[in-house]
PDB file of N, CA and C in Angstrom:
ATOM      1  N   MET A   1       0.849  -1.176   0.000  1.00  0.00           N
ATOM      2  CA  MET A   1       0.000   0.000   0.000  1.00  0.00           C
ATOM      3  C   MET A   1       0.894   1.238   0.000  1.00  0.00           C
ATOM      4  N   THR A   2       0.526   2.241  -0.763  1.00  0.00           N
ATOM      5  CA  THR A   2       1.289   3.470  -0.875  1.00  0.00           C
ATOM      6  C   THR A   2       0.773   4.505   0.110  1.00  0.00           C
ATOM      7  N   LYS A   3       1.674   5.272   0.679  1.00  0.00           N
ATOM      8  CA  LYS A   3       1.311   6.300   1.644  1.00  0.00           C
ATOM      9  C   LYS A   3       0.989   7.595   0.908  1.00  0.00           C
ATOM     10  N   LEU A   4      -0.021   8.328   1.410  1.00  0.00           N
ATOM     11  CA  LEU A   4      -0.444   9.604   0.843  1.00  0.00           C
ATOM     12  C   LEU A   4      -0.483  10.628   1.968  1.00  0.00           C
ATOM     13  N   THR A   5       0.083  11.792   1.729  1.00  0.00           N
ATOM     14  CA  THR A   5       0.054  12.866   2.714  1.00  0.00           C
ATOM     15  C   THR A   5      -0.898  13.943   2.225  1.00  0.00           C
ATOM     16  N   LEU A   6      -1.849  14.326   3.083  1.00  0.00           N
ATOM     17  CA  LEU A   6      -2.816  15.373   2.752  1.00  0.00           C
ATOM     18  C   LEU A   6      -2.672  16.526   3.734  1.00  0.00           C
ATOM     19  N   SER A   7      -2.952  17.732   3.295  1.00  0.00           N
ATOM     20  CA  SER A   7      -2.984  18.898   4.171  1.00  0.00           C
ATOM     21  C   SER A   7      -4.445  19.243   4.435  1.00  0.00           C
ATOM     22  N   VAL A   8      -4.839  19.128   5.709  1.00  0.00           N
ATOM     23  CA  VAL A   8      -6.234  19.334   6.093  1.00  0.00           C
ATOM     24  C   VAL A   8      -6.252  20.089   7.416  1.00  0.00           C
ATOM     25  N   ASP A   9      -7.257  20.928   7.612  1.00  0.00           N
ATOM     26  CA  ASP A   9      -7.403  21.628   8.887  1.00  0.00           C
ATOM     27  C   ASP A   9      -7.474  20.633  10.034  1.00  0.00           C
ATOM     28  N   ARG A  10      -6.930  21.013  11.163  1.00  0.00           N
ATOM     29  CA  ARG A  10      -6.908  20.153  12.346  1.00  0.00           C
ATOM     30  C   ARG A  10      -8.322  19.696  12.734  1.00  0.00           C
ATOM     31  N   ASP A  11      -9.292  20.596  12.640  1.00  0.00           N
ATOM     32  CA  ASP A  11     -10.677  20.245  12.992  1.00  0.00           C
ATOM     33  C   ASP A  11     -11.218  19.134  12.086  1.00  0.00           C
ATOM     34  N   VAL A  12     -10.867  19.185  10.816  1.00  0.00           N
ATOM     35  CA  VAL A  12     -11.314  18.166   9.866  1.00  0.00           C
ATOM     36  C   VAL A  12     -10.684  16.823  10.224  1.00  0.00           C
ATOM     37  N   ILE A  13      -9.423  16.840  10.594  1.00  0.00           N
ATOM     38  CA  ILE A  13      -8.735  15.610  10.984  1.00  0.00           C
ATOM     39  C   ILE A  13      -9.402  14.983  12.206  1.00  0.00           C
ATOM     40  N   GLU A  14      -9.675  15.809  13.198  1.00  0.00           N
ATOM     41  CA  GLU A  14     -10.306  15.297  14.420  1.00  0.00           C
ATOM     42  C   GLU A  14     -11.709  14.760  14.136  1.00  0.00           C
ATOM     43  N   THR A  15     -12.440  15.440  13.278  1.00  0.00           N
ATOM     44  CA  THR A  15     -13.779  14.964  12.896  1.00  0.00           C
ATOM     45  C   THR A  15     -13.676  13.636  12.166  1.00  0.00           C
ATOM     46  N   ALA A  16     -12.737  13.526  11.254  1.00  0.00           N
ATOM     47  CA  ALA A  16     -12.543  12.277  10.504  1.00  0.00           C
ATOM     48  C   ALA A  16     -12.197  11.128  11.450  1.00  0.00           C
ATOM     49  N   LYS A  17     -11.343  11.396  12.424  1.00  0.00           N
ATOM     50  CA  LYS A  17     -10.971  10.363  13.397  1.00  0.00           C
ATOM     51  C   LYS A  17     -12.169   9.917  14.223  1.00  0.00           C
ATOM     52  N   ARG A  18     -13.005  10.873  14.640  1.00  0.00           N
ATOM     53  CA  ARG A  18     -14.209  10.514  15.417  1.00  0.00           C
ATOM     54  C   ARG A  18     -15.180   9.683  14.583  1.00  0.00           C
ATOM     55  N   ILE A  19     -15.379  10.076  13.337  1.00  0.00           N
ATOM     56  CA  ILE A  19     -16.285   9.334  12.446  1.00  0.00           C
ATOM     57  C   ILE A  19     -15.756   7.920  12.221  1.00  0.00           C
ATOM     58  N   ALA A  20     -14.468   7.813  11.945  1.00  0.00           N
ATOM     59  CA  ALA A  20     -13.857   6.502  11.701  1.00  0.00           C
ATOM     60  C   ALA A  20     -13.996   5.610  12.931  1.00  0.00           C
ATOM     61  N   LYS A  21     -13.690   6.158  14.099  1.00  0.00           N
ATOM     62  CA  LYS A  21     -13.790   5.375  15.339  1.00  0.00           C
ATOM     63  C   LYS A  21     -15.223   4.919  15.588  1.00  0.00           C
ATOM     64  N   ALA A  22     -16.184   5.811  15.368  1.00  0.00           N
ATOM     65  CA  ALA A  22     -17.596   5.471  15.578  1.00  0.00           C
ATOM     66  C   ALA A  22     -18.059   4.372  14.629  1.00  0.00           C
ATOM     67  N   ASN A  23     -17.387   4.247  13.487  1.00  0.00           N
ATOM     68  CA  ASN A  23     -17.767   3.246  12.491  1.00  0.00           C
ATOM     69  C   ASN A  23     -16.832   2.045  12.482  1.00  0.00           C
ATOM     70  N   GLY A  24     -15.933   1.991  13.442  1.00  0.00           N
ATOM     71  CA  GLY A  24     -15.033   0.838  13.555  1.00  0.00           C
ATOM     72  C   GLY A  24     -14.097   0.682  12.373  1.00  0.00           C
ATOM     73  N   THR A  25     -13.617   1.790  11.853  1.00  0.00           N
ATOM     74  CA  THR A  25     -12.718   1.745  10.703  1.00  0.00           C
ATOM     75  C   THR A  25     -11.587   2.744  10.917  1.00  0.00           C
ATOM     76  N   SER A  26     -10.758   2.917   9.935  1.00  0.00           N
ATOM     77  CA  SER A  26      -9.667   3.885  10.011  1.00  0.00           C
ATOM     78  C   SER A  26      -9.964   5.048   9.073  1.00  0.00           C
ATOM     79  N   VAL A  27      -9.275   6.149   9.295  1.00  0.00           N
ATOM     80  CA  VAL A  27      -9.412   7.293   8.400  1.00  0.00           C
ATOM     81  C   VAL A  27      -8.949   6.901   7.000  1.00  0.00           C
ATOM     82  N   SER A  28      -7.892   6.118   6.908  1.00  0.00           N
ATOM     83  CA  SER A  28      -7.400   5.673   5.598  1.00  0.00           C
ATOM     84  C   SER A  28      -8.438   4.843   4.859  1.00  0.00           C
ATOM     85  N   ALA A  29      -9.064   3.894   5.564  1.00  0.00           N
ATOM     86  CA  ALA A  29     -10.088   3.052   4.938  1.00  0.00           C
ATOM     87  C   ALA A  29     -11.299   3.894   4.539  1.00  0.00           C
ATOM     88  N   MET A  30     -11.648   4.845   5.385  1.00  0.00           N
ATOM     89  CA  MET A  30     -12.787   5.717   5.108  1.00  0.00           C
ATOM     90  C   MET A  30     -12.502   6.574   3.873  1.00  0.00           C
ATOM     91  N   PHE A  31     -11.291   7.097   3.764  1.00  0.00           N
ATOM     92  CA  PHE A  31     -10.898   7.896   2.602  1.00  0.00           C
ATOM     93  C   PHE A  31     -10.918   7.046   1.335  1.00  0.00           C
ATOM     94  N   SER A  32     -10.393   5.832   1.422  1.00  0.00           N
ATOM     95  CA  SER A  32     -10.395   4.926   0.264  1.00  0.00           C
ATOM     96  C   SER A  32     -11.813   4.645  -0.207  1.00  0.00           C
ATOM     97  N   GLN A  33     -12.708   4.383   0.742  1.00  0.00           N
ATOM     98  CA  GLN A  33     -14.105   4.108   0.395  1.00  0.00           C
ATOM     99  C   GLN A  33     -14.743   5.336  -0.263  1.00  0.00           C
ATOM    100  N   PHE A  34     -14.440   6.522   0.257  1.00  0.00           N
ATOM    101  CA  PHE A  34     -14.969   7.755  -0.317  1.00  0.00           C
ATOM    102  C   PHE A  34     -14.517   7.916  -1.768  1.00  0.00           C
ATOM    103  N   ILE A  35     -13.225   7.714  -2.026  1.00  0.00           N
ATOM    104  CA  ILE A  35     -12.690   7.862  -3.386  1.00  0.00           C
ATOM    105  C   ILE A  35     -13.306   6.829  -4.322  1.00  0.00           C
ATOM    106  N   GLU A  36     -13.436   5.576  -3.871  1.00  0.00           N
ATOM    107  CA  GLU A  36     -14.044   4.530  -4.699  1.00  0.00           C
ATOM    108  C   GLU A  36     -15.494   4.865  -5.019  1.00  0.00           C
ATOM    109  N   THR A  37     -16.222   5.397  -4.049  1.00  0.00           N
ATOM    110  CA  THR A  37     -17.618   5.782  -4.265  1.00  0.00           C
ATOM    111  C   THR A  37     -17.717   6.921  -5.268  1.00  0.00           C
ATOM    112  N   MET A  38     -16.866   7.926  -5.118  1.00  0.00           N
ATOM    113  CA  MET A  38     -16.890   9.051  -6.045  1.00  0.00           C
ATOM    114  C   MET A  38     -16.529   8.609  -7.465  1.00  0.00           C
ATOM    115  N   TYR A  39     -15.580   7.701  -7.593  1.00  0.00           N
ATOM    116  CA  TYR A  39     -15.195   7.181  -8.901  1.00  0.00           C
ATOM    117  C   TYR A  39     -16.366   6.427  -9.542  1.00  0.00           C
ATOM    118  N   ALA A  40     -17.024   5.604  -8.750  1.00  0.00           N
ATOM    119  CA  ALA A  40     -18.167   4.844  -9.279  1.00  0.00           C
ATOM    120  C   ALA A  40     -19.281   5.779  -9.729  1.00  0.00           C
ATOM    121  N   ARG A  41     -19.533   6.817  -8.980  1.00  0.00           N
ATOM    122  CA  ARG A  41     -20.588   7.778  -9.343  1.00  0.00           C
ATOM    123  C   ARG A  41     -20.257   8.528 -10.618  1.00  0.00           C
ATOM    124  N   GLN A  42     -18.980   8.746 -10.870  1.00  0.00           N
ATOM    125  CA  GLN A  42     -18.559   9.485 -12.064  1.00  0.00           C
ATOM    126  C   GLN A  42     -19.003   8.767 -13.334  1.00  0.00           C
ATOM    127  N   PHE A  43     -19.087   7.456 -13.289  1.00  0.00           N
ATOM    128  CA  PHE A  43     -19.422   6.683 -14.475  1.00  0.00           C
ATOM    129  C   PHE A  43     -20.864   6.200 -14.488  1.00  0.00           C
ATOM    130  N   ARG A  44     -21.700   6.769 -13.634  1.00  0.00           N
ATOM    131  CA  ARG A  44     -23.112   6.391 -13.594  1.00  0.00           C
ATOM    132  C   ARG A  44     -23.951   7.501 -14.226  1.00  0.00           C
ATOM    133  N   VAL A  45     -24.909   7.102 -15.047  1.00  0.00           N
ATOM    134  CA  VAL A  45     -25.845   8.045 -15.649  1.00  0.00           C
ATOM    135  C   VAL A  45     -27.241   7.546 -15.319  1.00  0.00           C
ATOM    136  N   ASP A  46     -28.032   8.370 -14.651  1.00  0.00           N
ATOM    137  CA  ASP A  46     -29.394   7.996 -14.254  1.00  0.00           C
ATOM    138  C   ASP A  46     -29.419   6.683 -13.487  1.00  0.00           C
ATOM    139  N   GLY A  47     -28.413   6.437 -12.647  1.00  0.00           N
ATOM    140  CA  GLY A  47     -28.384   5.239 -11.821  1.00  0.00           C
ATOM    141  C   GLY A  47     -27.953   3.988 -12.559  1.00  0.00           C
ATOM    142  N   ILE A  48     -27.555   4.113 -13.808  1.00  0.00           N
ATOM    143  CA  ILE A  48     -27.136   2.947 -14.587  1.00  0.00           C
ATOM    144  C   ILE A  48     -25.615   2.969 -14.702  1.00  0.00           C
ATOM    145  N   GLY A  49     -24.979   1.899 -14.282  1.00  0.00           N
ATOM    146  CA  GLY A  49     -23.530   1.812 -14.347  1.00  0.00           C
ATOM    147  C   GLY A  49     -23.035   1.516 -15.744  1.00  0.00           C
ATOM    148  N   PRO A  50     -21.734   1.632 -15.969  1.00  0.00           N
ATOM    149  CA  PRO A  50     -21.176   1.457 -17.313  1.00  0.00           C
ATOM    150  C   PRO A  50     -21.367   0.058 -17.873  1.00  0.00           C
ATOM    151  N   ILE A  51     -21.322  -0.968 -17.035  1.00  0.00           N
ATOM    152  CA  ILE A  51     -21.518  -2.338 -17.533  1.00  0.00           C
ATOM    153  C   ILE A  51     -22.954  -2.536 -17.969  1.00  0.00           C
ATOM    154  N   THR A  52     -23.898  -2.078 -17.151  1.00  0.00           N
ATOM    155  CA  THR A  52     -25.317  -2.194 -17.521  1.00  0.00           C
ATOM    156  C   THR A  52     -25.601  -1.427 -18.800  1.00  0.00           C
ATOM    157  N   ARG A  53     -25.037  -0.230 -18.904  1.00  0.00           N
ATOM    158  CA  ARG A  53     -25.244   0.578 -20.106  1.00  0.00           C
ATOM    159  C   ARG A  53     -24.704  -0.138 -21.337  1.00  0.00           C
ATOM    160  N   GLU A  54     -23.516  -0.749 -21.205  1.00  0.00           N
ATOM    161  CA  GLU A  54     -22.914  -1.467 -22.325  1.00  0.00           C
ATOM    162  C   GLU A  54     -23.746  -2.678 -22.712  1.00  0.00           C
ATOM    163  N   LEU A  55     -24.259  -3.401 -21.736  1.00  0.00           N
ATOM    164  CA  LEU A  55     -25.029  -4.602 -22.006  1.00  0.00           C
ATOM    165  C   LEU A  55     -26.445  -4.305 -22.491  1.00  0.00           C
ATOM    166  N   SER A  56     -26.911  -3.083 -22.277  1.00  0.00           N
ATOM    167  CA  SER A  56     -28.286  -2.757 -22.661  1.00  0.00           C
ATOM    168  C   SER A  56     -28.498  -2.813 -24.167  1.00  0.00           C
ATOM    169  N   ASP A  57     -27.446  -2.756 -24.953  1.00  0.00           N
ATOM    170  CA  ASP A  57     -27.578  -2.817 -26.408  1.00  0.00           C
ATOM    171  C   ASP A  57     -27.582  -4.244 -26.949  1.00  0.00           C
ATOM    172  N   ILE A  58     -27.458  -5.237 -26.081  1.00  0.00           N
ATOM    173  CA  ILE A  58     -27.426  -6.630 -26.538  1.00  0.00           C
ATOM    174  C   ILE A  58     -28.793  -7.073 -27.050  1.00  0.00           C
ATOM    175  N   ALA A  59     -29.845  -6.785 -26.295  1.00  0.00           N
ATOM    176  CA  ALA A  59     -31.207  -7.192 -26.688  1.00  0.00           C
ATOM    177  C   ALA A  59     -31.925  -6.018 -27.314  1.00  0.00           C
ATOM    178  N   LYS A  60     -32.541  -6.252 -28.435  1.00  0.00           N
ATOM    179  CA  LYS A  60     -33.288  -5.201 -29.143  1.00  0.00           C
ATOM    180  C   LYS A  60     -34.766  -5.568 -29.160  1.00  0.00           C
ATOM    181  N   LEU A  61     -35.613  -4.602 -28.851  1.00  0.00           N
ATOM    182  CA  LEU A  61     -37.059  -4.808 -28.916  1.00  0.00           C
ATOM    183  C   LEU A  61     -37.543  -4.557 -30.335  1.00  0.00           C
ATOM    184  N   PRO A  62     -38.618  -5.237 -30.719  1.00  0.00           N
ATOM    185  CA  PRO A  62     -39.192  -4.970 -32.040  1.00  0.00           C
ATOM    186  C   PRO A  62     -39.677  -3.524 -32.125  1.00  0.00           C
ATOM    187  N   PRO A  63     -39.762  -2.951 -33.316  1.00  0.00           N
ATOM    188  CA  PRO A  63     -40.243  -1.586 -33.473  1.00  0.00           C
ATOM    189  C   PRO A  63     -41.599  -1.418 -32.795  1.00  0.00           C
ATOM    190  N   GLY A  64     -41.780  -0.313 -32.103  1.00  0.00           N
ATOM    191  CA  GLY A  64     -43.035  -0.024 -31.436  1.00  0.00           C
ATOM    192  C   GLY A  64     -43.186  -0.664 -30.063  1.00  0.00           C
ATOM    193  N   LYS A  65     -42.208  -1.436 -29.611  1.00  0.00           N
ATOM    194  CA  LYS A  65     -42.297  -2.132 -28.326  1.00  0.00           C
ATOM    195  C   LYS A  65     -41.392  -1.493 -27.274  1.00  0.00           C
ATOM    196  N   GLY A  66     -40.675  -0.454 -27.620  1.00  0.00           N
ATOM    197  CA  GLY A  66     -39.723   0.138 -26.701  1.00  0.00           C
ATOM    198  C   GLY A  66     -40.212   1.367 -26.112  1.00  0.00           C
TER     199      GLY A  66
END
């Protein structure tokens, strides 16, 4: 795992530590989850993920049925 250094206000750090402790996790794990969630949202349109969107063109409805 690679180390990352961030510059954040002391109050934000303390809040992050309290949130992490209350959820039984670490600030690092919480940050990783946040980044993964934001990345996933970037590729979603109307709640449909990129795989679903790609697969939606596999089946075609007859004219007038869509």
